[in-house]
Amino acid sequence: PLAPPTAAVRATLAALQRADWPEEGAGALAAFALSVPRDGERGSPPSAVRSWTCPDIFVDAERFARRLKSRYGEMLGADTCVASARDGERPQAHMRVTPQKAHRRGRAASR
C-alpha cells in the first residue's frame, strides 16, 4: 500500500536533519530521491525531479542540492523539524524548524 503524504514529508525532514550523514550531501540526495520525478521517468534515483520552488522546472541532483542549500539551508542539519497539517478552508502544512545551535555549527565546521 501507498504511504500517506505525511510519511514522505517526515522522511524528507529526517533526511535533511542528517544532511551530511553518512556522507557529505546525503540529505540532499535523499530529498532528491523523494521528490517528484520527471513525467514517466522511473528509476532510482531519477535523473531530474520537479523543483520545490518552481513546479514547471525539473532539475538534476547537483542543481537540486544547490537550490536546497540556498533556499532551505536552515532545514539542513536542524535540531528539530516538525510538520503538521492544520484544518481550515484549504489543506495546509505548517513547519517549525529549530536550527542547530551556533556552538555545534562551529564545531562541525572546524572538522
N, C-alpha and C. Protein backbone atom coordinates (compact mmCIF):
# COMPACT_ATOMS: atom_id res chain seq x y z
N PRO A 1 0.82 -1.20 0.00
CA PRO A 1 0.00 0.00 0.00
C PRO A 1 0.86 1.26 0.00
N LEU A 2 0.29 2.32 -0.52
CA LEU A 2 0.99 3.60 -0.52
C LEU A 2 0.98 4.22 0.87
N ALA A 3 2.06 4.89 1.19
CA ALA A 3 2.14 5.60 2.47
C ALA A 3 1.44 6.95 2.33
N PRO A 4 0.94 7.49 3.42
CA PRO A 4 0.29 8.81 3.34
C PRO A 4 1.32 9.89 3.04
N PRO A 5 0.90 11.02 2.50
CA PRO A 5 1.84 12.10 2.19
C PRO A 5 2.67 12.54 3.39
N THR A 6 2.07 12.47 4.57
CA THR A 6 2.82 12.88 5.77
C THR A 6 4.04 12.00 6.01
N ALA A 7 3.99 10.74 5.59
CA ALA A 7 5.14 9.85 5.74
C ALA A 7 6.30 10.31 4.86
N ALA A 8 5.98 10.76 3.65
CA ALA A 8 7.03 11.28 2.76
C ALA A 8 7.62 12.57 3.32
N VAL A 9 6.78 13.42 3.89
CA VAL A 9 7.27 14.66 4.49
C VAL A 9 8.19 14.34 5.66
N ARG A 10 7.77 13.40 6.54
CA ARG A 10 8.60 13.02 7.67
C ARG A 10 9.95 12.45 7.22
N ALA A 11 9.93 11.60 6.19
CA ALA A 11 11.17 11.01 5.68
C ALA A 11 12.09 12.09 5.10
N THR A 12 11.52 13.05 4.40
CA THR A 12 12.32 14.14 3.82
C THR A 12 12.93 14.99 4.93
N LEU A 13 12.14 15.36 5.93
CA LEU A 13 12.65 16.18 7.03
C LEU A 13 13.75 15.45 7.79
N ALA A 14 13.57 14.16 8.02
CA ALA A 14 14.60 13.37 8.72
C ALA A 14 15.89 13.34 7.92
N ALA A 15 15.78 13.20 6.61
CA ALA A 15 16.98 13.20 5.76
C ALA A 15 17.69 14.54 5.81
N LEU A 16 16.92 15.62 5.81
CA LEU A 16 17.53 16.96 5.85
C LEU A 16 18.20 17.23 7.20
N GLN A 17 17.66 16.66 8.27
CA GLN A 17 18.30 16.83 9.57
C GLN A 17 19.66 16.13 9.60
N ARG A 18 19.80 15.05 8.87
CA ARG A 18 21.07 14.33 8.77
C ARG A 18 21.73 14.70 7.43
N ALA A 19 21.86 15.97 7.20
CA ALA A 19 22.29 16.49 5.89
C ALA A 19 23.58 15.86 5.38
N ASP A 20 24.53 15.61 6.23
CA ASP A 20 25.83 15.09 5.80
C ASP A 20 26.15 13.74 6.43
N TRP A 21 25.13 12.94 6.68
CA TRP A 21 25.35 11.60 7.23
C TRP A 21 24.64 10.58 6.36
N PRO A 22 25.23 9.50 5.99
CA PRO A 22 26.55 9.01 6.39
C PRO A 22 27.72 9.62 5.61
N GLU A 23 27.41 10.41 4.62
CA GLU A 23 28.47 11.10 3.86
C GLU A 23 27.98 12.49 3.48
N GLU A 24 28.90 13.35 3.08
CA GLU A 24 28.55 14.72 2.74
C GLU A 24 27.51 14.75 1.61
N GLY A 25 26.45 15.54 1.81
CA GLY A 25 25.41 15.69 0.80
C GLY A 25 24.35 14.61 0.80
N ALA A 26 24.41 13.67 1.74
CA ALA A 26 23.46 12.55 1.76
C ALA A 26 22.02 13.01 1.95
N GLY A 27 21.80 14.05 2.76
CA GLY A 27 20.44 14.54 2.99
C GLY A 27 19.81 15.12 1.73
N ALA A 28 20.59 15.89 0.98
CA ALA A 28 20.08 16.46 -0.28
C ALA A 28 19.77 15.35 -1.28
N LEU A 29 20.62 14.32 -1.34
CA LEU A 29 20.35 13.21 -2.26
C LEU A 29 19.09 12.45 -1.86
N ALA A 30 18.88 12.27 -0.56
CA ALA A 30 17.68 11.58 -0.10
C ALA A 30 16.43 12.41 -0.44
N ALA A 31 16.50 13.72 -0.21
CA ALA A 31 15.37 14.59 -0.55
C ALA A 31 15.11 14.58 -2.05
N PHE A 32 16.18 14.56 -2.85
CA PHE A 32 16.06 14.47 -4.31
C PHE A 32 15.32 13.19 -4.69
N ALA A 33 15.71 12.06 -4.08
CA ALA A 33 15.09 10.78 -4.40
C ALA A 33 13.62 10.73 -4.00
N LEU A 34 13.22 11.52 -3.00
CA LEU A 34 11.83 11.53 -2.54
C LEU A 34 10.98 12.57 -3.27
N SER A 35 11.57 13.32 -4.19
CA SER A 35 10.85 14.36 -4.92
C SER A 35 10.16 13.80 -6.16
N VAL A 36 9.30 14.61 -6.77
CA VAL A 36 8.52 14.18 -7.93
C VAL A 36 9.42 14.06 -9.17
N PRO A 37 9.56 12.86 -9.73
CA PRO A 37 10.41 12.70 -10.91
C PRO A 37 9.78 13.27 -12.17
N ARG A 38 10.63 13.45 -13.18
CA ARG A 38 10.13 13.90 -14.49
C ARG A 38 9.04 12.93 -14.95
N ASP A 39 8.00 13.44 -15.60
CA ASP A 39 6.87 12.62 -16.03
C ASP A 39 7.33 11.36 -16.75
N GLY A 40 6.79 10.24 -16.31
CA GLY A 40 7.06 8.97 -16.98
C GLY A 40 8.42 8.37 -16.67
N GLU A 41 9.26 9.06 -15.93
CA GLU A 41 10.59 8.55 -15.64
C GLU A 41 10.55 7.63 -14.43
N ARG A 42 11.09 6.47 -14.60
CA ARG A 42 11.19 5.51 -13.50
C ARG A 42 12.67 5.24 -13.28
N GLY A 43 13.04 5.05 -12.07
CA GLY A 43 14.43 4.76 -11.80
C GLY A 43 14.79 5.21 -10.41
N SER A 44 15.93 4.76 -9.96
CA SER A 44 16.37 5.12 -8.62
C SER A 44 17.84 5.46 -8.66
N PRO A 45 18.25 6.66 -8.46
CA PRO A 45 17.42 7.86 -8.36
C PRO A 45 17.05 8.37 -9.75
N PRO A 46 16.05 9.22 -9.85
CA PRO A 46 15.69 9.78 -11.16
C PRO A 46 16.78 10.72 -11.64
N SER A 47 16.79 11.00 -12.93
CA SER A 47 17.81 11.92 -13.46
C SER A 47 17.42 13.37 -13.21
N ALA A 48 16.12 13.65 -13.05
CA ALA A 48 15.65 15.01 -12.78
C ALA A 48 14.35 14.94 -12.00
N VAL A 49 14.15 15.93 -11.12
CA VAL A 49 12.92 16.00 -10.33
C VAL A 49 12.35 17.41 -10.42
N ARG A 50 11.08 17.53 -10.07
CA ARG A 50 10.41 18.83 -10.06
C ARG A 50 11.05 19.71 -8.99
N SER A 51 11.34 20.93 -9.35
CA SER A 51 11.91 21.89 -8.41
C SER A 51 10.91 22.17 -7.29
N TRP A 52 11.38 22.33 -6.07
CA TRP A 52 10.49 22.65 -4.96
C TRP A 52 9.99 24.08 -5.05
N THR A 53 10.72 24.95 -5.74
CA THR A 53 10.34 26.36 -5.78
C THR A 53 9.59 26.76 -7.04
N CYS A 54 9.72 25.98 -8.11
CA CYS A 54 9.05 26.30 -9.36
C CYS A 54 8.59 25.00 -10.01
N PRO A 55 7.32 24.64 -9.89
CA PRO A 55 6.85 23.34 -10.37
C PRO A 55 7.00 23.10 -11.87
N ASP A 56 7.28 24.13 -12.64
CA ASP A 56 7.45 23.95 -14.08
C ASP A 56 8.89 23.61 -14.46
N ILE A 57 9.78 23.60 -13.49
CA ILE A 57 11.20 23.35 -13.76
C ILE A 57 11.60 22.01 -13.18
N PHE A 58 12.37 21.24 -13.96
CA PHE A 58 12.95 19.99 -13.48
C PHE A 58 14.45 20.19 -13.37
N VAL A 59 15.03 19.70 -12.27
CA VAL A 59 16.46 19.91 -12.01
C VAL A 59 17.15 18.58 -11.73
N ASP A 60 18.45 18.52 -12.07
CA ASP A 60 19.22 17.32 -11.76
C ASP A 60 19.67 17.37 -10.29
N ALA A 61 20.32 16.32 -9.81
CA ALA A 61 20.68 16.21 -8.40
C ALA A 61 21.61 17.34 -7.95
N GLU A 62 22.56 17.73 -8.77
CA GLU A 62 23.50 18.78 -8.39
C GLU A 62 22.80 20.13 -8.22
N ARG A 63 21.96 20.47 -9.19
CA ARG A 63 21.24 21.75 -9.11
C ARG A 63 20.23 21.73 -7.97
N PHE A 64 19.58 20.57 -7.75
CA PHE A 64 18.65 20.42 -6.65
C PHE A 64 19.36 20.71 -5.32
N ALA A 65 20.54 20.13 -5.13
CA ALA A 65 21.30 20.33 -3.88
C ALA A 65 21.68 21.80 -3.71
N ARG A 66 22.12 22.46 -4.77
CA ARG A 66 22.48 23.89 -4.68
C ARG A 66 21.27 24.73 -4.29
N ARG A 67 20.12 24.48 -4.93
CA ARG A 67 18.91 25.24 -4.62
C ARG A 67 18.45 24.96 -3.18
N LEU A 68 18.55 23.71 -2.78
CA LEU A 68 18.17 23.34 -1.43
C LEU A 68 18.99 24.10 -0.39
N LYS A 69 20.29 24.14 -0.59
CA LYS A 69 21.17 24.85 0.35
C LYS A 69 20.91 26.35 0.35
N SER A 70 20.62 26.93 -0.81
CA SER A 70 20.44 28.38 -0.87
C SER A 70 19.06 28.81 -0.36
N ARG A 71 18.04 27.99 -0.52
CA ARG A 71 16.69 28.42 -0.15
C ARG A 71 16.15 27.78 1.12
N TYR A 72 16.65 26.60 1.45
CA TYR A 72 16.15 25.88 2.63
C TYR A 72 17.29 25.51 3.57
N GLY A 73 18.34 26.30 3.58
CA GLY A 73 19.54 26.00 4.34
C GLY A 73 19.31 25.78 5.82
N GLU A 74 18.35 26.49 6.42
CA GLU A 74 18.09 26.33 7.85
C GLU A 74 17.58 24.94 8.18
N MET A 75 17.00 24.25 7.21
CA MET A 75 16.50 22.91 7.46
C MET A 75 17.62 21.87 7.47
N LEU A 76 18.72 22.18 6.83
CA LEU A 76 19.83 21.23 6.76
C LEU A 76 20.52 21.15 8.11
N GLY A 77 20.51 19.99 8.71
CA GLY A 77 21.15 19.79 9.99
C GLY A 77 20.41 20.41 11.15
N ALA A 78 19.15 20.78 10.97
CA ALA A 78 18.38 21.42 12.05
C ALA A 78 18.20 20.46 13.22
N ASP A 79 18.16 21.02 14.43
CA ASP A 79 17.92 20.20 15.61
C ASP A 79 16.51 19.61 15.58
N THR A 80 15.54 20.40 15.13
CA THR A 80 14.15 19.95 15.12
C THR A 80 13.46 20.42 13.84
N CYS A 81 12.76 19.52 13.19
CA CYS A 81 11.89 19.85 12.06
C CYS A 81 10.57 19.13 12.32
N VAL A 82 9.51 19.89 12.46
CA VAL A 82 8.20 19.31 12.75
C VAL A 82 7.20 19.85 11.73
N ALA A 83 6.52 18.94 11.05
CA ALA A 83 5.48 19.34 10.09
C ALA A 83 4.13 18.95 10.68
N SER A 84 3.15 19.79 10.46
CA SER A 84 1.80 19.47 10.95
C SER A 84 0.78 20.00 9.96
N ALA A 85 -0.31 19.27 9.83
CA ALA A 85 -1.42 19.72 8.98
C ALA A 85 -2.41 20.43 9.89
N ARG A 86 -3.00 21.49 9.38
CA ARG A 86 -3.99 22.23 10.16
C ARG A 86 -5.28 22.32 9.36
N ASP A 87 -6.37 22.25 10.07
CA ASP A 87 -7.66 22.37 9.41
C ASP A 87 -7.95 23.82 9.07
N GLY A 88 -8.68 24.02 8.06
CA GLY A 88 -9.07 25.35 7.64
C GLY A 88 -9.87 25.23 6.37
N GLU A 89 -10.00 26.31 5.65
CA GLU A 89 -10.73 26.26 4.39
C GLU A 89 -10.01 25.42 3.36
N ARG A 90 -8.68 25.48 3.38
CA ARG A 90 -7.88 24.68 2.45
C ARG A 90 -6.88 23.85 3.26
N PRO A 91 -6.50 22.68 2.75
CA PRO A 91 -5.45 21.92 3.44
C PRO A 91 -4.17 22.74 3.46
N GLN A 92 -3.50 22.74 4.57
CA GLN A 92 -2.26 23.49 4.71
C GLN A 92 -1.26 22.65 5.49
N ALA A 93 -0.01 22.91 5.26
CA ALA A 93 1.05 22.30 6.05
C ALA A 93 1.84 23.42 6.70
N HIS A 94 2.15 23.25 7.95
CA HIS A 94 2.95 24.23 8.68
C HIS A 94 4.17 23.52 9.21
N MET A 95 5.28 24.22 9.24
CA MET A 95 6.52 23.60 9.67
C MET A 95 7.21 24.49 10.69
N ARG A 96 7.78 23.86 11.71
CA ARG A 96 8.58 24.57 12.69
C ARG A 96 9.99 23.99 12.62
N VAL A 97 10.98 24.84 12.42
CA VAL A 97 12.38 24.41 12.30
C VAL A 97 13.18 25.08 13.41
N THR A 98 13.93 24.30 14.15
CA THR A 98 14.85 24.83 15.15
C THR A 98 16.25 24.60 14.62
N PRO A 99 16.92 25.65 14.12
CA PRO A 99 18.27 25.49 13.56
C PRO A 99 19.24 24.97 14.61
N GLN A 100 20.33 24.40 14.13
CA GLN A 100 21.39 23.92 15.01
C GLN A 100 21.88 25.04 15.89
N LYS A 101 22.27 24.69 17.07
CA LYS A 101 22.85 25.68 17.97
C LYS A 101 24.19 26.15 17.39
N ALA A 102 24.50 27.42 17.56
CA ALA A 102 25.70 28.02 16.96
C ALA A 102 26.97 27.29 17.36
N HIS A 103 27.08 26.87 18.62
CA HIS A 103 28.32 26.20 19.03
C HIS A 103 28.49 24.87 18.33
N ARG A 104 27.40 24.18 18.04
CA ARG A 104 27.50 22.90 17.33
C ARG A 104 27.90 23.13 15.89
N ARG A 105 27.37 24.18 15.27
CA ARG A 105 27.75 24.50 13.89
C ARG A 105 29.23 24.82 13.81
N GLY A 106 29.73 25.56 14.79
CA GLY A 106 31.15 25.93 14.80
C GLY A 106 32.05 24.73 14.91
N ARG A 107 31.67 23.77 15.77
CA ARG A 107 32.48 22.56 15.91
C ARG A 107 32.45 21.74 14.62
N ALA A 108 31.29 21.60 14.01
CA ALA A 108 31.17 20.80 12.79
C ALA A 108 31.99 21.43 11.66
N ALA A 109 32.02 22.76 11.62
CA ALA A 109 32.76 23.43 10.55
C ALA A 109 34.26 23.30 10.74
N SER A 110 34.71 23.10 11.99
CA SER A 110 36.14 23.03 12.23
C SER A 110 36.72 21.66 11.99
N ARG A 111 35.90 20.67 11.70
CA ARG A 111 36.40 19.30 11.46
C ARG A 111 37.09 19.19 10.15
